[in-house]
Amino acid sequence: MGRQEFVDKTGIPKNSLIGIEVGKHEPGAKVLITIAQAWPEYAAYLLTDDVDVVQKHPEVDQLARVLQEAKQAK
């Protein structure tokens, strides 16, 4: 994805993005939240910089518990 497509998708100003990319400044919370909302599957990695981090999905975890309880009730 090029810069312009990233800017179009997130609404983050291009100059801000370039400043972050070249190390002029660190991304603030608003930028991180915006990126995490655009790509929620990478939110944990974005915040930790750890490729092995497992991101939790509360809705999926809740559904798994409900299904497990229903299975045990049979």
N, C-alpha and C. Protein backbone atom coordinates (compact mmCIF):
# COMPACT_ATOMS: atom_id res chain seq x y z
N MET A 1 0.85 -1.17 0.00
CA MET A 1 0.00 0.00 0.00
C MET A 1 0.90 1.23 0.00
N GLY A 2 0.58 2.15 -0.86
CA GLY A 2 1.34 3.39 -0.92
C GLY A 2 0.86 4.39 0.13
N ARG A 3 1.63 5.43 0.29
CA ARG A 3 1.28 6.46 1.28
C ARG A 3 -0.09 7.05 1.02
N GLN A 4 -0.37 7.38 -0.24
CA GLN A 4 -1.65 8.05 -0.52
C GLN A 4 -2.83 7.16 -0.18
N GLU A 5 -2.73 5.88 -0.49
CA GLU A 5 -3.82 4.95 -0.16
C GLU A 5 -3.98 4.85 1.35
N PHE A 6 -2.85 4.80 2.08
CA PHE A 6 -2.88 4.75 3.54
C PHE A 6 -3.55 6.01 4.09
N VAL A 7 -3.16 7.17 3.57
CA VAL A 7 -3.74 8.44 4.00
C VAL A 7 -5.23 8.47 3.70
N ASP A 8 -5.61 8.01 2.51
CA ASP A 8 -7.03 7.99 2.14
C ASP A 8 -7.83 7.08 3.06
N LYS A 9 -7.26 5.94 3.42
CA LYS A 9 -7.97 4.98 4.27
C LYS A 9 -8.08 5.45 5.72
N THR A 10 -7.04 6.10 6.23
CA THR A 10 -7.01 6.46 7.65
C THR A 10 -7.38 7.91 7.94
N GLY A 11 -7.16 8.79 6.97
CA GLY A 11 -7.39 10.20 7.22
C GLY A 11 -6.23 10.87 7.95
N ILE A 12 -5.16 10.13 8.20
CA ILE A 12 -3.97 10.71 8.83
C ILE A 12 -3.29 11.61 7.79
N PRO A 13 -2.97 12.84 8.16
CA PRO A 13 -2.33 13.74 7.19
C PRO A 13 -1.01 13.16 6.67
N LYS A 14 -0.78 13.37 5.38
CA LYS A 14 0.40 12.81 4.73
C LYS A 14 1.70 13.31 5.39
N ASN A 15 1.74 14.59 5.74
CA ASN A 15 2.95 15.12 6.39
C ASN A 15 3.20 14.45 7.74
N SER A 16 2.15 14.17 8.47
CA SER A 16 2.29 13.46 9.75
C SER A 16 2.84 12.06 9.53
N LEU A 17 2.29 11.39 8.53
CA LEU A 17 2.75 10.04 8.22
C LEU A 17 4.23 10.04 7.84
N ILE A 18 4.63 10.96 7.01
CA ILE A 18 6.03 11.04 6.60
C ILE A 18 6.92 11.32 7.80
N GLY A 19 6.50 12.22 8.67
CA GLY A 19 7.26 12.52 9.89
C GLY A 19 7.47 11.31 10.76
N ILE A 20 6.45 10.47 10.87
CA ILE A 20 6.55 9.24 11.65
C ILE A 20 7.50 8.27 10.96
N GLU A 21 7.34 8.14 9.65
CA GLU A 21 8.17 7.19 8.89
C GLU A 21 9.66 7.52 8.96
N VAL A 22 10.00 8.80 8.92
CA VAL A 22 11.42 9.17 8.94
C VAL A 22 11.96 9.36 10.35
N GLY A 23 11.13 9.10 11.36
CA GLY A 23 11.59 9.17 12.74
C GLY A 23 11.65 10.57 13.32
N LYS A 24 10.99 11.50 12.66
CA LYS A 24 10.96 12.88 13.14
C LYS A 24 10.17 12.99 14.45
N HIS A 25 9.11 12.17 14.54
CA HIS A 25 8.32 12.12 15.77
C HIS A 25 7.64 10.76 15.88
N GLU A 26 7.20 10.46 17.09
CA GLU A 26 6.49 9.21 17.37
C GLU A 26 5.00 9.40 17.13
N PRO A 27 4.32 8.33 16.73
CA PRO A 27 2.87 8.46 16.54
C PRO A 27 2.17 8.64 17.89
N GLY A 28 1.23 9.53 17.92
CA GLY A 28 0.46 9.75 19.14
C GLY A 28 -0.66 8.73 19.26
N ALA A 29 -1.35 8.77 20.37
CA ALA A 29 -2.44 7.83 20.64
C ALA A 29 -3.52 7.91 19.57
N LYS A 30 -3.85 9.11 19.13
CA LYS A 30 -4.91 9.27 18.12
C LYS A 30 -4.53 8.57 16.82
N VAL A 31 -3.28 8.69 16.41
CA VAL A 31 -2.81 8.02 15.19
C VAL A 31 -2.86 6.50 15.37
N LEU A 32 -2.38 6.01 16.50
CA LEU A 32 -2.40 4.57 16.76
C LEU A 32 -3.82 4.02 16.78
N ILE A 33 -4.72 4.74 17.40
CA ILE A 33 -6.12 4.31 17.45
C ILE A 33 -6.72 4.28 16.05
N THR A 34 -6.42 5.30 15.27
CA THR A 34 -6.94 5.37 13.89
C THR A 34 -6.46 4.18 13.07
N ILE A 35 -5.18 3.85 13.19
CA ILE A 35 -4.63 2.71 12.44
C ILE A 35 -5.23 1.41 12.95
N ALA A 36 -5.35 1.27 14.27
CA ALA A 36 -5.93 0.06 14.85
C ALA A 36 -7.39 -0.12 14.44
N GLN A 37 -8.11 0.96 14.27
CA GLN A 37 -9.50 0.86 13.82
C GLN A 37 -9.58 0.45 12.36
N ALA A 38 -8.61 0.88 11.57
CA ALA A 38 -8.60 0.52 10.15
C ALA A 38 -8.19 -0.94 9.96
N TRP A 39 -7.28 -1.42 10.80
CA TRP A 39 -6.79 -2.80 10.71
C TRP A 39 -6.78 -3.42 12.11
N PRO A 40 -7.96 -3.75 12.67
CA PRO A 40 -8.02 -4.25 14.04
C PRO A 40 -7.26 -5.55 14.26
N GLU A 41 -7.10 -6.34 13.21
CA GLU A 41 -6.38 -7.61 13.36
C GLU A 41 -4.89 -7.40 13.68
N TYR A 42 -4.39 -6.18 13.49
CA TYR A 42 -2.98 -5.90 13.78
C TYR A 42 -2.81 -4.97 14.98
N ALA A 43 -3.86 -4.70 15.71
CA ALA A 43 -3.79 -3.74 16.81
C ALA A 43 -2.77 -4.15 17.87
N ALA A 44 -2.77 -5.41 18.26
CA ALA A 44 -1.83 -5.86 19.30
C ALA A 44 -0.39 -5.70 18.82
N TYR A 45 -0.13 -6.08 17.59
CA TYR A 45 1.23 -5.92 17.03
C TYR A 45 1.61 -4.44 16.98
N LEU A 46 0.68 -3.61 16.56
CA LEU A 46 0.93 -2.18 16.45
C LEU A 46 1.40 -1.60 17.79
N LEU A 47 0.79 -2.03 18.86
CA LEU A 47 1.10 -1.49 20.18
C LEU A 47 2.29 -2.13 20.85
N THR A 48 2.61 -3.38 20.49
CA THR A 48 3.70 -4.09 21.16
C THR A 48 4.94 -4.27 20.31
N ASP A 49 4.81 -4.19 18.98
CA ASP A 49 5.90 -4.45 18.04
C ASP A 49 6.40 -5.88 18.18
N ASP A 50 5.54 -6.77 18.64
CA ASP A 50 5.87 -8.18 18.83
C ASP A 50 5.03 -9.01 17.87
N VAL A 51 5.69 -9.68 16.91
CA VAL A 51 4.96 -10.44 15.91
C VAL A 51 4.35 -11.71 16.47
N ASP A 52 4.79 -12.14 17.64
CA ASP A 52 4.26 -13.37 18.24
C ASP A 52 3.11 -13.14 19.20
N VAL A 53 2.72 -11.90 19.40
CA VAL A 53 1.64 -11.61 20.33
C VAL A 53 0.32 -12.16 19.76
N VAL A 54 -0.46 -12.76 20.63
CA VAL A 54 -1.75 -13.31 20.23
C VAL A 54 -2.83 -12.31 20.64
N GLN A 55 -3.56 -11.86 19.67
CA GLN A 55 -4.60 -10.89 19.95
C GLN A 55 -5.87 -11.60 20.38
N LYS A 56 -6.44 -11.15 21.46
CA LYS A 56 -7.68 -11.72 21.99
C LYS A 56 -8.88 -11.08 21.30
N HIS A 57 -9.91 -11.87 21.13
CA HIS A 57 -11.15 -11.39 20.54
C HIS A 57 -12.27 -11.70 21.54
N PRO A 58 -12.66 -10.74 22.38
CA PRO A 58 -13.64 -11.00 23.42
C PRO A 58 -14.94 -11.61 22.91
N GLU A 59 -15.42 -11.15 21.76
CA GLU A 59 -16.67 -11.69 21.24
C GLU A 59 -16.53 -13.16 20.86
N VAL A 60 -15.40 -13.48 20.25
CA VAL A 60 -15.14 -14.87 19.86
C VAL A 60 -14.96 -15.74 21.10
N ASP A 61 -14.23 -15.23 22.08
CA ASP A 61 -14.03 -15.97 23.33
C ASP A 61 -15.37 -16.25 24.03
N GLN A 62 -16.25 -15.24 24.06
CA GLN A 62 -17.57 -15.40 24.68
C GLN A 62 -18.38 -16.45 23.93
N LEU A 63 -18.38 -16.40 22.61
CA LEU A 63 -19.10 -17.38 21.81
C LEU A 63 -18.56 -18.79 22.06
N ALA A 64 -17.26 -18.92 22.16
CA ALA A 64 -16.65 -20.23 22.43
C ALA A 64 -17.12 -20.77 23.78
N ARG A 65 -17.22 -19.90 24.79
CA ARG A 65 -17.69 -20.33 26.11
C ARG A 65 -19.14 -20.79 26.04
N VAL A 66 -19.97 -20.03 25.33
CA VAL A 66 -21.38 -20.39 25.19
C VAL A 66 -21.52 -21.74 24.49
N LEU A 67 -20.76 -21.94 23.43
CA LEU A 67 -20.81 -23.22 22.70
C LEU A 67 -20.32 -24.37 23.56
N GLN A 68 -19.28 -24.14 24.32
CA GLN A 68 -18.74 -25.17 25.21
C GLN A 68 -19.78 -25.54 26.28
N GLU A 69 -20.44 -24.54 26.84
CA GLU A 69 -21.48 -24.80 27.85
C GLU A 69 -22.63 -25.57 27.25
N ALA A 70 -23.03 -25.23 26.04
CA ALA A 70 -24.13 -25.93 25.37
C ALA A 70 -23.74 -27.37 25.08
N LYS A 71 -22.50 -27.58 24.71
CA LYS A 71 -22.01 -28.93 24.44
C LYS A 71 -22.01 -29.77 25.72
N GLN A 72 -21.61 -29.18 26.83
CA GLN A 72 -21.56 -29.89 28.10
C GLN A 72 -22.97 -30.18 28.63
N ALA A 73 -23.94 -29.35 28.27
CA ALA A 73 -25.30 -29.53 28.75
C ALA A 73 -26.01 -30.71 28.07
N LYS A 74 -25.49 -31.14 26.94
CA LYS A 74 -26.13 -32.26 26.21
C LYS A 74 -25.95 -33.57 26.91
